Amino acid sequence: MIDPADEAAIAAQLGRQPRAIHDVGHRCPCGNPDVVTTEPRLPNGTPFPTTFYLTCPRAASRIGTLEGSGLMKQMQDRLGEDAELAAAYRAAHGAYLTFRTTLAAESGHSVPEIEGISAGGMPDRVKCLHVLAGQSLAQGRGVNPLGDEVLDLLGDWWDSGPCVTVDADE
């Protein structure tokens, strides 16, 4: 069960009520959640492949800037040129799927519709840096090499304080 204060912070970050939260996947140094793990199936029954969902609007904005810079194409090109990087990225895909399968088993919500499909373009493409960074935050550095690179480029997005504050009485 997610803490109501965390759920309120996540809602403030997203500007809407969060859906299908399993738990806080990572906590920002400011104290707020910055990644949530989501159930593999939304309450309405829709499969949801984004297991590690980045919620911090500051980090998300910075990542959007990176996406607009052409970084995804550069990373994609490197996957085709660097066999070691490509193998590590495929392993990140496997770690993502393993985590989601475990969540599905715990919740009793299997998702055969998205079996073998992770997110962010894995295992062969790069199409969402938010997902890759979310995985690196939630599963730790060393799991997704491209997610780790995104985190390195973000810098300290929390330096100016929490992205949202929630009144304890809300």
N, C-alpha and C. Protein backbone atom coordinates (compact mmCIF):
# COMPACT_ATOMS: atom_id res chain seq x y z
N MET A 1 0.85 -1.19 0.00
CA MET A 1 0.00 0.00 0.00
C MET A 1 0.89 1.25 0.00
N ILE A 2 0.61 2.14 -0.89
CA ILE A 2 1.42 3.36 -0.99
C ILE A 2 0.97 4.37 0.08
N ASP A 3 1.92 5.07 0.63
CA ASP A 3 1.66 6.09 1.64
C ASP A 3 0.82 7.21 1.02
N PRO A 4 -0.24 7.65 1.69
CA PRO A 4 -1.08 8.72 1.14
C PRO A 4 -0.31 10.01 0.85
N ALA A 5 0.71 10.32 1.64
CA ALA A 5 1.51 11.52 1.38
C ALA A 5 2.30 11.37 0.08
N ASP A 6 2.81 10.18 -0.18
CA ASP A 6 3.50 9.93 -1.45
C ASP A 6 2.53 10.02 -2.61
N GLU A 7 1.35 9.45 -2.44
CA GLU A 7 0.35 9.51 -3.51
C GLU A 7 -0.05 10.96 -3.80
N ALA A 8 -0.18 11.78 -2.77
CA ALA A 8 -0.50 13.19 -2.96
C ALA A 8 0.63 13.92 -3.69
N ALA A 9 1.87 13.62 -3.34
CA ALA A 9 3.02 14.24 -4.02
C ALA A 9 3.05 13.82 -5.48
N ILE A 10 2.80 12.55 -5.75
CA ILE A 10 2.80 12.06 -7.14
C ILE A 10 1.69 12.72 -7.94
N ALA A 11 0.51 12.86 -7.34
CA ALA A 11 -0.60 13.54 -8.02
C ALA A 11 -0.22 14.99 -8.33
N ALA A 12 0.44 15.65 -7.40
CA ALA A 12 0.87 17.03 -7.64
C ALA A 12 1.92 17.08 -8.75
N GLN A 13 2.82 16.12 -8.77
CA GLN A 13 3.84 16.07 -9.82
C GLN A 13 3.21 15.88 -11.20
N LEU A 14 2.24 14.97 -11.27
CA LEU A 14 1.62 14.63 -12.55
C LEU A 14 0.52 15.59 -12.97
N GLY A 15 -0.04 16.31 -12.00
CA GLY A 15 -1.17 17.17 -12.29
C GLY A 15 -2.46 16.39 -12.49
N ARG A 16 -2.49 15.17 -11.99
CA ARG A 16 -3.66 14.30 -12.08
C ARG A 16 -3.50 13.18 -11.08
N GLN A 17 -4.57 12.45 -10.83
CA GLN A 17 -4.49 11.29 -9.94
C GLN A 17 -3.69 10.19 -10.62
N PRO A 18 -2.73 9.62 -9.91
CA PRO A 18 -1.95 8.52 -10.50
C PRO A 18 -2.81 7.26 -10.61
N ARG A 19 -2.41 6.40 -11.54
CA ARG A 19 -3.15 5.16 -11.75
C ARG A 19 -2.23 3.96 -11.53
N ALA A 20 -2.76 2.94 -10.92
CA ALA A 20 -2.11 1.63 -10.82
C ALA A 20 -0.73 1.67 -10.18
N ILE A 21 -0.53 2.53 -9.21
CA ILE A 21 0.77 2.57 -8.52
C ILE A 21 0.93 1.30 -7.69
N HIS A 22 2.06 0.68 -7.86
CA HIS A 22 2.41 -0.45 -7.00
C HIS A 22 3.18 0.05 -5.78
N ASP A 23 4.18 0.90 -6.05
CA ASP A 23 5.03 1.38 -4.96
C ASP A 23 5.88 2.54 -5.48
N VAL A 24 6.57 3.20 -4.58
CA VAL A 24 7.58 4.18 -4.96
C VAL A 24 8.80 3.38 -5.43
N GLY A 25 9.20 3.62 -6.67
CA GLY A 25 10.33 2.90 -7.23
C GLY A 25 11.66 3.54 -6.88
N HIS A 26 11.64 4.85 -6.69
CA HIS A 26 12.86 5.58 -6.32
C HIS A 26 12.43 6.88 -5.68
N ARG A 27 13.22 7.32 -4.75
CA ARG A 27 12.95 8.58 -4.06
C ARG A 27 14.07 9.56 -4.38
N CYS A 28 13.69 10.75 -4.80
CA CYS A 28 14.61 11.83 -5.12
C CYS A 28 15.37 12.24 -3.85
N PRO A 29 16.58 12.75 -4.00
CA PRO A 29 17.29 13.25 -2.82
C PRO A 29 16.50 14.33 -2.06
N CYS A 30 15.55 15.00 -2.72
CA CYS A 30 14.74 16.01 -2.03
C CYS A 30 13.71 15.37 -1.11
N GLY A 31 13.48 14.07 -1.26
CA GLY A 31 12.54 13.35 -0.41
C GLY A 31 11.28 12.89 -1.13
N ASN A 32 10.91 13.53 -2.22
CA ASN A 32 9.71 13.14 -2.96
C ASN A 32 9.99 11.89 -3.79
N PRO A 33 8.93 11.14 -4.10
CA PRO A 33 9.11 10.08 -5.09
C PRO A 33 9.49 10.73 -6.42
N ASP A 34 10.33 10.06 -7.21
CA ASP A 34 10.59 10.55 -8.56
C ASP A 34 10.33 9.47 -9.60
N VAL A 35 10.18 8.22 -9.16
CA VAL A 35 9.78 7.12 -10.02
C VAL A 35 8.80 6.26 -9.24
N VAL A 36 7.72 5.86 -9.90
CA VAL A 36 6.82 4.89 -9.30
C VAL A 36 6.88 3.61 -10.12
N THR A 37 6.67 2.50 -9.44
CA THR A 37 6.47 1.26 -10.16
C THR A 37 4.96 1.11 -10.31
N THR A 38 4.55 0.76 -11.51
CA THR A 38 3.12 0.65 -11.79
C THR A 38 2.75 -0.80 -12.04
N GLU A 39 1.53 -1.11 -11.70
CA GLU A 39 1.01 -2.44 -11.99
C GLU A 39 1.01 -2.64 -13.50
N PRO A 40 1.19 -3.85 -13.95
CA PRO A 40 1.24 -4.09 -15.39
C PRO A 40 -0.12 -4.02 -16.09
N ARG A 41 -1.18 -3.82 -15.32
CA ARG A 41 -2.50 -3.66 -15.89
C ARG A 41 -3.20 -2.53 -15.13
N LEU A 42 -3.75 -1.56 -15.89
CA LEU A 42 -4.46 -0.46 -15.28
C LEU A 42 -5.79 -0.94 -14.70
N PRO A 43 -6.40 -0.17 -13.79
CA PRO A 43 -7.66 -0.61 -13.19
C PRO A 43 -8.76 -0.90 -14.21
N ASN A 44 -8.72 -0.24 -15.37
CA ASN A 44 -9.76 -0.49 -16.39
C ASN A 44 -9.45 -1.72 -17.24
N GLY A 45 -8.34 -2.42 -16.93
CA GLY A 45 -7.99 -3.63 -17.65
C GLY A 45 -6.96 -3.46 -18.75
N THR A 46 -6.62 -2.23 -19.08
CA THR A 46 -5.66 -1.97 -20.15
C THR A 46 -4.26 -2.38 -19.72
N PRO A 47 -3.53 -3.15 -20.56
CA PRO A 47 -2.14 -3.47 -20.25
C PRO A 47 -1.32 -2.18 -20.21
N PHE A 48 -0.38 -2.10 -19.28
CA PHE A 48 0.44 -0.90 -19.13
C PHE A 48 1.91 -1.32 -19.05
N PRO A 49 2.65 -1.19 -20.16
CA PRO A 49 4.03 -1.69 -20.18
C PRO A 49 5.03 -0.81 -19.43
N THR A 50 4.69 0.43 -19.10
CA THR A 50 5.65 1.31 -18.44
C THR A 50 5.70 1.02 -16.95
N THR A 51 6.55 0.10 -16.58
CA THR A 51 6.66 -0.34 -15.18
C THR A 51 7.32 0.71 -14.31
N PHE A 52 8.34 1.39 -14.84
CA PHE A 52 9.05 2.42 -14.09
C PHE A 52 8.67 3.77 -14.67
N TYR A 53 7.80 4.48 -13.97
CA TYR A 53 7.20 5.71 -14.49
C TYR A 53 7.82 6.91 -13.77
N LEU A 54 8.54 7.71 -14.52
CA LEU A 54 9.18 8.91 -13.97
C LEU A 54 8.12 9.95 -13.66
N THR A 55 8.07 10.42 -12.42
CA THR A 55 7.02 11.36 -12.01
C THR A 55 7.52 12.78 -11.78
N CYS A 56 8.81 12.96 -11.54
CA CYS A 56 9.34 14.29 -11.23
C CYS A 56 9.27 15.18 -12.46
N PRO A 57 8.54 16.29 -12.40
CA PRO A 57 8.42 17.15 -13.57
C PRO A 57 9.72 17.83 -13.97
N ARG A 58 10.58 18.11 -13.01
CA ARG A 58 11.88 18.72 -13.35
C ARG A 58 12.75 17.75 -14.14
N ALA A 59 12.88 16.54 -13.63
CA ALA A 59 13.67 15.54 -14.35
C ALA A 59 13.05 15.26 -15.71
N ALA A 60 11.72 15.16 -15.75
CA ALA A 60 11.04 14.88 -17.03
C ALA A 60 11.28 16.00 -18.03
N SER A 61 11.27 17.23 -17.58
CA SER A 61 11.51 18.36 -18.48
C SER A 61 12.92 18.34 -19.03
N ARG A 62 13.88 18.08 -18.17
CA ARG A 62 15.27 18.00 -18.63
C ARG A 62 15.46 16.85 -19.62
N ILE A 63 14.79 15.75 -19.36
CA ILE A 63 14.88 14.62 -20.29
C ILE A 63 14.24 14.98 -21.62
N GLY A 64 13.13 15.71 -21.59
CA GLY A 64 12.51 16.16 -22.83
C GLY A 64 13.47 17.00 -23.66
N THR A 65 14.25 17.84 -23.00
CA THR A 65 15.25 18.64 -23.70
C THR A 65 16.31 17.73 -24.33
N LEU A 66 16.73 16.71 -23.60
CA LEU A 66 17.70 15.76 -24.15
C LEU A 66 17.12 15.04 -25.36
N GLU A 67 15.86 14.65 -25.27
CA GLU A 67 15.22 13.98 -26.41
C GLU A 67 15.19 14.89 -27.63
N GLY A 68 14.91 16.16 -27.41
CA GLY A 68 14.85 17.13 -28.50
C GLY A 68 16.22 17.44 -29.10
N SER A 69 17.28 17.06 -28.39
CA SER A 69 18.64 17.37 -28.86
C SER A 69 19.17 16.37 -29.88
N GLY A 70 18.44 15.28 -30.11
CA GLY A 70 18.92 14.25 -31.00
C GLY A 70 19.63 13.11 -30.29
N LEU A 71 19.63 13.13 -28.97
CA LEU A 71 20.35 12.12 -28.21
C LEU A 71 19.84 10.70 -28.49
N MET A 72 18.53 10.54 -28.67
CA MET A 72 18.00 9.19 -28.90
C MET A 72 18.57 8.61 -30.19
N LYS A 73 18.68 9.41 -31.24
CA LYS A 73 19.24 8.91 -32.50
C LYS A 73 20.70 8.53 -32.31
N GLN A 74 21.44 9.34 -31.59
CA GLN A 74 22.85 9.03 -31.33
C GLN A 74 22.97 7.70 -30.57
N MET A 75 22.13 7.52 -29.56
CA MET A 75 22.16 6.28 -28.79
C MET A 75 21.77 5.09 -29.67
N GLN A 76 20.75 5.29 -30.48
CA GLN A 76 20.30 4.23 -31.39
C GLN A 76 21.42 3.83 -32.33
N ASP A 77 22.11 4.81 -32.88
CA ASP A 77 23.24 4.53 -33.78
C ASP A 77 24.33 3.73 -33.06
N ARG A 78 24.61 4.11 -31.81
CA ARG A 78 25.63 3.41 -31.04
C ARG A 78 25.26 1.95 -30.78
N LEU A 79 23.96 1.68 -30.62
CA LEU A 79 23.54 0.29 -30.41
C LEU A 79 23.90 -0.58 -31.61
N GLY A 80 23.86 0.01 -32.80
CA GLY A 80 24.21 -0.73 -34.00
C GLY A 80 25.70 -0.89 -34.21
N GLU A 81 26.50 -0.09 -33.52
CA GLU A 81 27.94 -0.09 -33.71
C GLU A 81 28.71 -0.76 -32.57
N ASP A 82 28.11 -0.85 -31.40
CA ASP A 82 28.81 -1.31 -30.20
C ASP A 82 28.12 -2.56 -29.66
N ALA A 83 28.68 -3.73 -29.95
CA ALA A 83 28.07 -5.00 -29.56
C ALA A 83 27.95 -5.13 -28.05
N GLU A 84 28.93 -4.62 -27.31
CA GLU A 84 28.89 -4.71 -25.85
C GLU A 84 27.74 -3.85 -25.29
N LEU A 85 27.58 -2.65 -25.81
CA LEU A 85 26.48 -1.79 -25.39
C LEU A 85 25.14 -2.43 -25.74
N ALA A 86 25.03 -2.97 -26.95
CA ALA A 86 23.78 -3.61 -27.37
C ALA A 86 23.44 -4.80 -26.47
N ALA A 87 24.44 -5.58 -26.07
CA ALA A 87 24.20 -6.71 -25.18
C ALA A 87 23.74 -6.23 -23.80
N ALA A 88 24.35 -5.18 -23.30
CA ALA A 88 23.95 -4.64 -22.00
C ALA A 88 22.53 -4.07 -22.06
N TYR A 89 22.18 -3.48 -23.17
CA TYR A 89 20.84 -2.92 -23.35
C TYR A 89 19.80 -4.04 -23.43
N ARG A 90 20.14 -5.13 -24.10
CA ARG A 90 19.25 -6.30 -24.14
C ARG A 90 19.08 -6.88 -22.74
N ALA A 91 20.14 -6.88 -21.96
CA ALA A 91 20.05 -7.37 -20.58
C ALA A 91 19.15 -6.46 -19.75
N ALA A 92 19.20 -5.16 -20.00
CA ALA A 92 18.30 -4.22 -19.30
C ALA A 92 16.85 -4.53 -19.64
N HIS A 93 16.59 -4.85 -20.89
CA HIS A 93 15.25 -5.27 -21.34
C HIS A 93 14.81 -6.50 -20.54
N GLY A 94 15.72 -7.47 -20.40
CA GLY A 94 15.40 -8.66 -19.63
C GLY A 94 15.10 -8.36 -18.17
N ALA A 95 15.88 -7.47 -17.58
CA ALA A 95 15.65 -7.08 -16.17
C ALA A 95 14.30 -6.39 -16.02
N TYR A 96 13.94 -5.58 -17.00
CA TYR A 96 12.65 -4.90 -16.99
C TYR A 96 11.52 -5.92 -17.01
N LEU A 97 11.61 -6.87 -17.94
CA LEU A 97 10.57 -7.88 -18.08
C LEU A 97 10.46 -8.75 -16.84
N THR A 98 11.60 -9.12 -16.26
CA THR A 98 11.60 -9.95 -15.06
C THR A 98 10.89 -9.22 -13.91
N PHE A 99 11.19 -7.93 -13.75
CA PHE A 99 10.56 -7.16 -12.68
C PHE A 99 9.04 -7.10 -12.91
N ARG A 100 8.63 -6.82 -14.15
CA ARG A 100 7.19 -6.71 -14.44
C ARG A 100 6.49 -8.06 -14.24
N THR A 101 7.13 -9.14 -14.61
CA THR A 101 6.55 -10.47 -14.41
C THR A 101 6.34 -10.74 -12.93
N THR A 102 7.30 -10.33 -12.12
CA THR A 102 7.17 -10.50 -10.67
C THR A 102 5.99 -9.68 -10.14
N LEU A 103 5.87 -8.43 -10.59
CA LEU A 103 4.73 -7.60 -10.18
C LEU A 103 3.41 -8.24 -10.58
N ALA A 104 3.36 -8.74 -11.79
CA ALA A 104 2.12 -9.37 -12.28
C ALA A 104 1.75 -10.58 -11.43
N ALA A 105 2.75 -11.36 -11.07
CA ALA A 105 2.50 -12.54 -10.24
C ALA A 105 2.01 -12.14 -8.86
N GLU A 106 2.61 -11.10 -8.28
CA GLU A 106 2.20 -10.63 -6.95
C GLU A 106 0.77 -10.12 -6.95
N SER A 107 0.40 -9.41 -8.02
CA SER A 107 -0.91 -8.79 -8.06
C SER A 107 -1.98 -9.69 -8.67
N GLY A 108 -1.56 -10.80 -9.31
CA GLY A 108 -2.52 -11.67 -9.97
C GLY A 108 -3.04 -11.09 -11.27
N HIS A 109 -2.32 -10.12 -11.83
CA HIS A 109 -2.73 -9.46 -13.07
C HIS A 109 -1.75 -9.75 -14.19
N SER A 110 -1.79 -10.95 -14.71
CA SER A 110 -0.88 -11.28 -15.81
C SER A 110 -1.25 -10.44 -17.03
N VAL A 111 -0.26 -10.24 -17.89
CA VAL A 111 -0.46 -9.40 -19.08
C VAL A 111 0.12 -10.09 -20.32
N PRO A 112 -0.53 -11.15 -20.76
CA PRO A 112 0.00 -11.86 -21.93
C PRO A 112 0.03 -10.99 -23.18
N GLU A 113 -0.80 -9.96 -23.23
CA GLU A 113 -0.83 -9.07 -24.40
C GLU A 113 0.48 -8.34 -24.63
N ILE A 114 1.26 -8.13 -23.57
CA ILE A 114 2.51 -7.39 -23.70
C ILE A 114 3.72 -8.24 -23.30
N GLU A 115 3.52 -9.55 -23.28
CA GLU A 115 4.63 -10.44 -22.95
C GLU A 115 5.79 -10.21 -23.92
N GLY A 116 6.98 -10.04 -23.38
CA GLY A 116 8.17 -9.82 -24.19
C GLY A 116 8.38 -8.38 -24.61
N ILE A 117 7.43 -7.51 -24.31
CA ILE A 117 7.54 -6.10 -24.67
C ILE A 117 7.85 -5.32 -23.40
N SER A 118 8.95 -4.60 -23.41
CA SER A 118 9.26 -3.76 -22.24
C SER A 118 8.81 -2.34 -22.57
N ALA A 119 9.70 -1.39 -22.56
CA ALA A 119 9.33 0.00 -22.83
C ALA A 119 10.58 0.75 -23.25
N GLY A 120 10.40 1.95 -23.72
CA GLY A 120 11.52 2.80 -24.08
C GLY A 120 12.21 2.41 -25.38
N GLY A 121 11.66 1.41 -26.09
CA GLY A 121 12.27 0.95 -27.32
C GLY A 121 13.11 -0.30 -27.15
N MET A 122 13.34 -0.70 -25.91
CA MET A 122 14.18 -1.87 -25.67
C MET A 122 13.56 -3.10 -26.34
N PRO A 123 14.34 -4.03 -26.80
CA PRO A 123 15.77 -4.17 -26.64
C PRO A 123 16.61 -3.64 -27.80
N ASP A 124 15.97 -3.19 -28.88
CA ASP A 124 16.73 -2.85 -30.08
C ASP A 124 16.69 -1.38 -30.48
N ARG A 125 15.78 -0.63 -29.90
CA ARG A 125 15.64 0.78 -30.28
C ARG A 125 15.72 1.67 -29.04
N VAL A 126 15.84 2.97 -29.30
CA VAL A 126 15.80 3.96 -28.22
C VAL A 126 14.70 4.94 -28.60
N LYS A 127 13.60 4.91 -27.83
CA LYS A 127 12.49 5.79 -28.19
C LYS A 127 11.88 6.56 -27.03
N CYS A 128 12.36 6.35 -25.80
CA CYS A 128 11.87 7.14 -24.67
C CYS A 128 12.92 7.15 -23.57
N LEU A 129 13.60 8.28 -23.44
CA LEU A 129 14.65 8.41 -22.43
C LEU A 129 14.07 8.45 -21.03
N HIS A 130 12.82 8.88 -20.88
CA HIS A 130 12.18 8.92 -19.57
C HIS A 130 12.12 7.51 -18.97
N VAL A 131 11.76 6.55 -19.78
CA VAL A 131 11.66 5.17 -19.32
C VAL A 131 13.03 4.62 -18.94
N LEU A 132 14.03 4.92 -19.76
CA LEU A 132 15.37 4.41 -19.49
C LEU A 132 15.92 4.99 -18.20
N ALA A 133 15.72 6.29 -17.98
CA ALA A 133 16.16 6.92 -16.73
C ALA A 133 15.38 6.36 -15.55
N GLY A 134 14.08 6.17 -15.73
CA GLY A 134 13.25 5.60 -14.66
C GLY A 134 13.73 4.22 -14.25
N GLN A 135 14.11 3.41 -15.23
CA GLN A 135 14.63 2.08 -14.90
C GLN A 135 15.95 2.19 -14.14
N SER A 136 16.83 3.08 -14.58
CA SER A 136 18.11 3.24 -13.89
C SER A 136 17.92 3.71 -12.45
N LEU A 137 16.97 4.60 -12.24
CA LEU A 137 16.71 5.06 -10.88
C LEU A 137 16.11 3.94 -10.03
N ALA A 138 15.12 3.24 -10.57
CA ALA A 138 14.41 2.23 -9.78
C ALA A 138 15.22 0.96 -9.57
N GLN A 139 15.93 0.51 -10.59
CA GLN A 139 16.66 -0.75 -10.46
C GLN A 139 18.13 -0.55 -10.14
N GLY A 140 18.58 0.69 -10.18
CA GLY A 140 19.95 1.00 -9.82
C GLY A 140 20.87 1.12 -11.02
N ARG A 141 21.91 1.89 -10.82
CA ARG A 141 22.90 2.06 -11.88
C ARG A 141 23.55 0.72 -12.19
N GLY A 142 23.88 0.56 -13.46
CA GLY A 142 24.50 -0.67 -13.91
C GLY A 142 23.52 -1.62 -14.57
N VAL A 143 22.22 -1.36 -14.42
CA VAL A 143 21.22 -2.22 -15.06
C VAL A 143 20.97 -1.79 -16.50
N ASN A 144 20.81 -0.49 -16.72
CA ASN A 144 20.54 0.02 -18.07
C ASN A 144 21.61 1.06 -18.43
N PRO A 145 22.53 0.72 -19.31
CA PRO A 145 23.64 1.64 -19.60
C PRO A 145 23.17 2.97 -20.21
N LEU A 146 22.15 2.92 -21.03
CA LEU A 146 21.68 4.17 -21.63
C LEU A 146 20.88 5.01 -20.62
N GLY A 147 20.16 4.35 -19.75
CA GLY A 147 19.49 5.07 -18.66
C GLY A 147 20.50 5.74 -17.75
N ASP A 148 21.61 5.06 -17.48
CA ASP A 148 22.67 5.64 -16.67
C ASP A 148 23.25 6.88 -17.35
N GLU A 149 23.44 6.81 -18.66
CA GLU A 149 23.95 7.98 -19.40
C GLU A 149 22.99 9.16 -19.30
N VAL A 150 21.69 8.88 -19.38
CA VAL A 150 20.70 9.95 -19.25
C VAL A 150 20.82 10.60 -17.87
N LEU A 151 20.93 9.78 -16.83
CA LEU A 151 21.07 10.34 -15.48
C LEU A 151 22.32 11.20 -15.36
N ASP A 152 23.42 10.76 -15.97
CA ASP A 152 24.64 11.55 -15.94
C ASP A 152 24.45 12.92 -16.60
N LEU A 153 23.67 12.96 -17.66
CA LEU A 153 23.44 14.22 -18.38
C LEU A 153 22.44 15.13 -17.67
N LEU A 154 21.60 14.57 -16.83
CA LEU A 154 20.58 15.38 -16.14
C LEU A 154 21.17 16.34 -15.12
N GLY A 155 22.23 15.94 -14.51
CA GLY A 155 22.74 16.76 -13.42
C GLY A 155 21.84 16.63 -12.19
N ASP A 156 22.00 17.53 -11.26
CA ASP A 156 21.27 17.49 -9.99
C ASP A 156 19.96 18.27 -10.11
N TRP A 157 18.94 17.64 -10.68
CA TRP A 157 17.67 18.32 -10.92
C TRP A 157 16.97 18.73 -9.63
N TRP A 158 17.35 18.17 -8.52
CA TRP A 158 16.72 18.45 -7.23
C TRP A 158 17.37 19.61 -6.48
N ASP A 159 18.47 20.16 -7.01
CA ASP A 159 19.24 21.19 -6.29
C ASP A 159 18.41 22.38 -5.81
N SER A 160 17.41 22.76 -6.55
CA SER A 160 16.63 23.94 -6.16
C SER A 160 15.50 23.58 -5.18
N GLY A 161 15.50 22.37 -4.69
CA GLY A 161 14.48 21.94 -3.72
C GLY A 161 13.44 21.05 -4.37
N PRO A 162 12.47 20.62 -3.56
CA PRO A 162 11.44 19.72 -4.07
C PRO A 162 10.67 20.32 -5.25
N CYS A 163 10.31 19.47 -6.20
CA CYS A 163 9.55 19.93 -7.37
C CYS A 163 8.12 20.28 -6.98
N VAL A 164 7.61 19.63 -5.95
CA VAL A 164 6.27 19.92 -5.43
C VAL A 164 6.32 19.84 -3.91
N THR A 165 5.43 20.55 -3.29
CA THR A 165 5.22 20.40 -1.85
C THR A 165 3.74 20.15 -1.65
N VAL A 166 3.45 19.30 -0.72
CA VAL A 166 2.07 18.93 -0.45
C VAL A 166 1.80 19.23 1.01
N ASP A 167 0.71 19.93 1.25
CA ASP A 167 0.30 20.23 2.62
C ASP A 167 -0.07 18.92 3.31
N ALA A 168 0.44 18.72 4.50
CA ALA A 168 0.18 17.48 5.24
C ALA A 168 -1.30 17.28 5.52
N ASP A 169 -2.11 18.36 5.47
CA ASP A 169 -3.54 18.26 5.76
C ASP A 169 -4.35 17.88 4.53
N GLU A 170 -3.70 17.84 3.34
CA GLU A 170 -4.46 17.53 2.13
C GLU A 170 -4.83 16.08 2.06
